[in-house]
Structure formats: C-alpha cells, structure tokens
C-alpha cells in the first residue's frame, strides 16, 4: 500500500481537501460541476476536471483501504443485476446484499452471462468479510443455475448451497439498487468502462460505510467517517 507522501505527491491541493471532495462526491447525488461550486464557496478554487481525476485516483484506493475493516455478512445472499450506462451503452452491475441489507459485493460487467455470474461469485467469495452462502436468492436469469452448478463441481461453492429463483424474495436487493442509481444519475452515464468501474467502487464502499458495515464508524456518522478515513490515509484531522 502506498504511503501518504507518495499517494498525494504532486497534487496542488492538500490531502484534507482532496479526501473531503472525494467523500462528498461519492456519497451525494451531485455532479463534478456542483462540487466545483461547493468547493469555491469554501474558498477552494478547483476545476471540475481535476475533481474527476481525484475520483479516479482515490475511489479505488478508498475501496481497498476500507474493505479490511468491514464487518462479517451473513450466509443468505440476495443477488441481482441493475443497469448502468457506459459510453452510451447499457452494462450490468451485479450486486448482492445479505438478509439484513448489508452489501456483500458488486461487479460491473459488459455481459450478463454464465461467465459474468461466476466472476461475480468468485470476487464475493474472496472477501474476508463474506462466508460461503447457505442460500443464493436470484432472479430467473438462466446463467445462475449453470454458474453455481459448475462452481459446486469445482469446489468453489459449498455443495449444499441452496439456489432459489424467486423474484419477490429479492425485493431487498432491488430496493438497495436505488441508492447507487441515485448517485449515478447526475453524471448522465460514464464515458468509459474503467472510469465507471473505479467510480462505482467508491459509491459502493461508502454506501457500506453509511450502512454501518465498518464497526468503527456508526451508520451515517459523518464526523466519525471523516476521522477514520483520514487515519486510513495517514492524514491528521
């Protein structure tokens, strides 16, 4: 993991200003130009294109540094995909929450097929805060039975995991999509796959923080969040 000195080296603004801007953009439905005006109101003159570069650099770093601090999720997974527009084309955002609405993981994919489903499950199972699911509740997408069957055969998924294709049981994850869609809307879509992937990582990890999935940060406690994130990046508050 890069040091604080190297992470912010060459930036024209302090680490405190950058982290404030990154956290606000990733938590509230605002555009880069909106945030530019908000910073100007606080005496910080920064162009919206620079803020975009901050998000691309620090959103994935925030995701990486916060993940080890996430609380354990349960073995009841609710899995669904929502749509995100990237360069004028709809792509798929795989997402899963547990029975309590805690985010398990997410994956942006250009395709909605067996390979994408397996990539998503593998990514989720690698996380230190997840367990092999007892139940996987999914929609009627035919890719899920094929993906889980292969993963059980390969020993990647617990062989007793129960797959449930019952749409109404997935209301909890479908409702949870709304929070992410609300953040995506002001940007009117992404201009590239990697831009989308990095930004979505920031949206999702701070949504986890907002839900109280980091034990050191009570849900919706912005002051505690500020202090904790600053500590993760080696910045004094």
Protein backbone atom coordinates (compact mmCIF):
# COMPACT_ATOMS: atom_id res chain seq x y z
CA UNK A 1 0.00 0.00 0.00
CA UNK A 2 1.41 3.37 -0.98
CA UNK A 3 2.46 5.84 1.73
CA UNK A 4 0.64 9.10 2.37
CA UNK A 5 3.57 11.06 0.92
CA UNK A 6 3.59 9.18 -2.40
CA UNK A 7 -0.21 8.96 -2.60
CA UNK A 8 -0.68 12.74 -2.60
CA UNK A 9 2.64 13.72 -4.16
CA UNK A 10 2.37 16.29 -6.93
CA UNK A 11 -1.17 17.37 -6.06
CA UNK A 12 -1.83 21.12 -5.93
CA UNK A 13 -4.21 20.71 -3.01
CA UNK A 14 -3.87 19.29 0.48
CA UNK A 15 -4.81 15.70 1.28
CA UNK A 16 -7.56 17.02 3.57
CA UNK A 17 -9.25 18.94 0.75
CA UNK A 18 -8.94 16.04 -1.67
CA UNK A 19 -10.39 13.48 0.74
CA UNK A 20 -13.25 15.82 1.66
CA UNK A 21 -14.16 16.27 -2.03
CA UNK A 22 -13.86 12.54 -2.80
CA UNK A 23 -16.06 11.50 0.12
CA UNK A 24 -18.75 14.07 -0.71
CA UNK A 25 -18.89 13.23 -4.39
CA UNK A 26 -19.17 9.51 -3.68
CA UNK A 27 -21.99 9.88 -1.15
CA UNK A 28 -24.30 12.52 -2.56
CA UNK A 29 -26.07 12.88 -5.94
CA UNK A 30 -24.03 15.81 -7.26
CA UNK A 31 -22.14 16.48 -10.47
CA UNK A 32 -18.47 17.42 -10.75
CA UNK A 33 -19.53 21.00 -11.56
CA UNK A 34 -21.76 21.05 -8.45
CA UNK A 35 -18.82 20.03 -6.31
CA UNK A 36 -16.60 22.62 -8.00
CA UNK A 37 -19.08 25.31 -6.88
CA UNK A 38 -19.30 23.86 -3.36
CA UNK A 39 -15.53 23.98 -3.00
CA UNK A 40 -15.43 27.54 -4.38
CA UNK A 41 -17.94 28.51 -1.68
CA UNK A 42 -15.35 27.30 0.85
CA UNK A 43 -12.55 29.28 -0.76
CA UNK A 44 -11.05 26.40 -2.74
CA UNK A 45 -10.76 27.13 -6.47
CA UNK A 46 -10.50 23.81 -8.30
CA UNK A 47 -11.69 22.86 -11.80
CA UNK A 48 -14.24 20.04 -12.12
CA UNK A 49 -11.85 18.11 -14.39
CA UNK A 50 -9.35 17.93 -11.52
CA UNK A 51 -12.06 16.62 -9.20
CA UNK A 52 -12.78 13.91 -11.80
CA UNK A 53 -9.11 12.90 -11.66
CA UNK A 54 -9.26 12.78 -7.87
CA UNK A 55 -12.21 10.39 -8.00
CA UNK A 56 -10.42 8.14 -10.48
CA UNK A 57 -7.31 8.03 -8.30
CA UNK A 58 -8.78 7.82 -4.81
CA UNK A 59 -12.13 6.00 -5.12
CA UNK A 60 -10.45 2.61 -5.74
CA UNK A 61 -7.85 3.42 -3.06
CA UNK A 62 -10.66 4.11 -0.60
CA UNK A 63 -12.28 0.80 -1.54
CA UNK A 64 -9.00 -1.06 -0.97
CA UNK A 65 -8.30 0.56 2.40
CA UNK A 66 -11.81 0.20 3.83
CA UNK A 67 -12.52 -3.42 2.86
CA UNK A 68 -10.35 -5.00 5.61
CA UNK A 69 -12.47 -3.15 8.19
CA UNK A 70 -15.89 -4.39 7.01
CA UNK A 71 -17.98 -6.49 9.39
CA UNK A 72 -18.92 -10.06 8.50
CA UNK A 73 -22.02 -10.54 6.38
CA UNK A 74 -24.41 -13.49 6.63
CA UNK A 75 -24.81 -16.60 4.50
CA UNK A 76 -28.14 -15.55 2.99
CA UNK A 77 -27.25 -13.83 -0.28
CA UNK A 78 -29.71 -11.84 -2.41
CA UNK A 79 -28.24 -11.36 -5.89
CA UNK A 80 -29.47 -9.18 -8.74
CA UNK A 81 -28.21 -7.03 -11.61
CA UNK A 82 -29.04 -3.43 -12.40
CA UNK A 83 -28.13 -1.35 -15.44
CA UNK A 84 -25.51 1.38 -15.80
CA UNK A 85 -24.91 3.37 -18.99
CA UNK A 86 -21.28 3.41 -20.12
CA UNK A 87 -20.36 5.37 -23.25
CA UNK A 88 -23.98 5.27 -24.40
CA UNK A 89 -24.32 1.53 -23.87
CA UNK A 90 -26.12 -0.27 -21.06
CA UNK A 91 -23.91 -2.53 -18.95
CA UNK A 92 -24.64 -4.74 -15.99
CA UNK A 93 -23.84 -4.03 -12.37
CA UNK A 94 -24.03 -7.28 -10.39
CA UNK A 95 -24.81 -6.65 -6.74
CA UNK A 96 -25.55 -8.76 -3.68
CA UNK A 97 -26.76 -7.99 -0.17
CA UNK A 98 -27.41 -10.30 2.76
CA UNK A 99 -30.71 -10.82 4.58
CA UNK A 100 -30.07 -7.67 6.66
CA UNK A 101 -29.40 -5.48 3.62
CA UNK A 102 -25.62 -5.36 4.18
CA UNK A 103 -23.71 -5.16 0.91
CA UNK A 104 -21.76 -8.31 0.07
CA UNK A 105 -20.09 -7.23 -3.17
CA UNK A 106 -20.55 -5.81 -6.68
CA UNK A 107 -19.14 -6.27 -10.18
CA UNK A 108 -19.50 -4.25 -13.38
CA UNK A 109 -19.79 -6.43 -16.49
CA UNK A 110 -20.32 -5.79 -20.19
CA UNK A 111 -22.24 -9.07 -20.42
CA UNK A 112 -24.97 -10.86 -18.49
CA UNK A 113 -23.99 -14.49 -18.86
CA UNK A 114 -22.60 -17.54 -17.03
CA UNK A 115 -19.02 -16.25 -17.12
CA UNK A 116 -20.05 -12.91 -15.59
CA UNK A 117 -22.06 -14.64 -12.85
CA UNK A 118 -19.09 -16.83 -11.96
CA UNK A 119 -16.73 -13.83 -11.88
CA UNK A 120 -19.07 -12.06 -9.52
CA UNK A 121 -19.44 -15.03 -7.16
CA UNK A 122 -15.68 -15.64 -7.14
CA UNK A 123 -14.99 -11.99 -6.35
CA UNK A 124 -17.50 -12.01 -3.50
CA UNK A 125 -16.22 -15.26 -2.02
CA UNK A 126 -12.65 -13.92 -1.89
CA UNK A 127 -13.59 -11.12 0.51
CA UNK A 128 -12.53 -11.50 4.17
CA UNK A 129 -15.96 -10.41 5.41
CA UNK A 130 -18.06 -12.97 3.46
CA UNK A 131 -18.94 -16.60 4.10
CA UNK A 132 -19.88 -19.36 1.69
CA UNK A 133 -23.64 -18.82 1.31
CA UNK A 134 -26.29 -21.16 2.68
CA UNK A 135 -28.79 -19.71 0.21
CA UNK A 136 -28.45 -17.79 -3.04
CA UNK A 137 -31.64 -15.96 -3.96
CA UNK A 138 -31.59 -14.84 -7.60
CA UNK A 139 -33.98 -13.92 -10.43
CA UNK A 140 -34.93 -16.13 -13.37
CA UNK A 141 -31.67 -15.47 -15.23
CA UNK A 142 -30.68 -18.88 -16.64
CA UNK A 143 -26.99 -18.11 -16.10
CA UNK A 144 -27.21 -18.58 -12.32
CA UNK A 145 -28.06 -22.33 -12.19
CA UNK A 146 -25.29 -23.09 -14.67
CA UNK A 147 -22.74 -20.92 -12.84
CA UNK A 148 -23.50 -22.38 -9.39
CA UNK A 149 -23.53 -25.95 -10.67
CA UNK A 150 -20.06 -25.54 -12.17
CA UNK A 151 -18.71 -23.81 -9.06
CA UNK A 152 -20.02 -26.56 -6.79
CA UNK A 153 -18.42 -29.16 -9.02
CA UNK A 154 -15.09 -27.30 -8.86
CA UNK A 155 -15.27 -26.88 -5.10
CA UNK A 156 -15.54 -23.09 -5.33
CA UNK A 157 -19.02 -23.03 -3.81
CA UNK A 158 -20.37 -25.03 -0.85
CA UNK A 159 -22.14 -28.06 -2.33
CA UNK A 160 -25.13 -27.66 0.00
CA UNK A 161 -25.78 -24.04 -1.03
CA UNK A 162 -29.43 -23.72 -1.99
CA UNK A 163 -30.26 -21.74 -5.13
CA UNK A 164 -33.66 -20.02 -5.01
CA UNK A 165 -35.02 -18.39 -8.17
CA UNK A 166 -37.88 -16.49 -6.55
CA UNK A 167 -38.16 -12.88 -7.69
CA UNK A 168 -40.24 -11.49 -4.81
CA UNK A 169 -37.62 -12.65 -2.29
CA UNK A 170 -35.15 -10.31 -3.96
CA UNK A 171 -37.02 -7.12 -3.10
CA UNK A 172 -34.33 -6.21 -0.59
CA UNK A 173 -31.55 -6.04 -3.18
CA UNK A 174 -33.79 -4.40 -5.80
CA UNK A 175 -34.59 -1.65 -3.30
CA UNK A 176 -30.89 -1.33 -2.48
CA UNK A 177 -30.09 -0.61 -6.15
CA UNK A 178 -31.87 2.73 -5.77
CA UNK A 179 -29.11 4.21 -3.64
CA UNK A 180 -26.47 3.55 -6.29
CA UNK A 181 -28.71 4.64 -9.18
CA UNK A 182 -29.38 7.92 -7.35
CA UNK A 183 -25.63 8.63 -7.29
CA UNK A 184 -25.08 7.68 -10.93
CA UNK A 185 -27.92 9.85 -12.28
CA UNK A 186 -26.29 13.35 -12.04
CA UNK A 187 -23.37 12.18 -14.18
CA UNK A 188 -25.64 11.11 -17.06
CA UNK A 189 -23.62 7.94 -17.60
CA UNK A 190 -19.92 7.13 -17.74
CA UNK A 191 -17.52 7.75 -20.62
CA UNK A 192 -15.53 4.54 -20.25
CA UNK A 193 -15.63 1.11 -18.61
CA UNK A 194 -12.66 1.68 -16.31
CA UNK A 195 -13.95 5.13 -15.33
CA UNK A 196 -17.26 3.50 -14.38
CA UNK A 197 -15.61 0.65 -12.50
CA UNK A 198 -13.43 2.95 -10.38
CA UNK A 199 -16.25 5.39 -9.59
CA UNK A 200 -18.73 2.62 -8.74
CA UNK A 201 -16.19 1.11 -6.34
CA UNK A 202 -16.24 4.41 -4.45
CA UNK A 203 -20.03 4.64 -4.48
CA UNK A 204 -20.39 1.11 -3.17
CA UNK A 205 -17.76 1.18 -0.44
CA UNK A 206 -19.10 4.41 1.06
CA UNK A 207 -22.63 3.00 0.85
CA UNK A 208 -21.31 0.17 3.04
CA UNK A 209 -19.91 2.72 5.46
CA UNK A 210 -23.24 4.56 5.52
CA UNK A 211 -24.99 1.28 6.39
CA UNK A 212 -22.72 0.84 9.41
CA UNK A 213 -20.70 -2.06 7.97
CA UNK A 214 -17.48 -0.64 9.45
CA UNK A 215 -17.62 -1.23 13.19
CA UNK A 216 -15.52 1.87 13.94
CA UNK A 217 -17.96 4.15 12.07
CA UNK A 218 -21.58 4.31 13.28
CA UNK A 219 -24.12 4.46 10.44
CA UNK A 220 -24.46 7.98 8.98
CA UNK A 221 -21.90 9.46 11.39
CA UNK A 222 -20.04 11.86 9.07
CA UNK A 223 -17.67 13.08 11.78
CA UNK A 224 -16.53 9.55 12.62
CA UNK A 225 -16.22 8.79 8.92
CA UNK A 226 -14.01 11.84 8.35
CA UNK A 227 -11.69 10.85 11.19
CA UNK A 228 -11.49 7.18 10.21
CA UNK A 229 -10.81 7.83 6.52
CA UNK A 230 -8.16 10.41 7.41
CA UNK A 231 -6.49 7.82 9.65
CA UNK A 232 -6.54 5.23 6.84
CA UNK A 233 -4.71 7.68 4.58
CA UNK A 234 -2.32 8.88 7.31
CA UNK A 235 -3.80 12.37 7.35
CA UNK A 236 -4.25 14.38 10.56
CA UNK A 237 -7.76 15.74 11.23
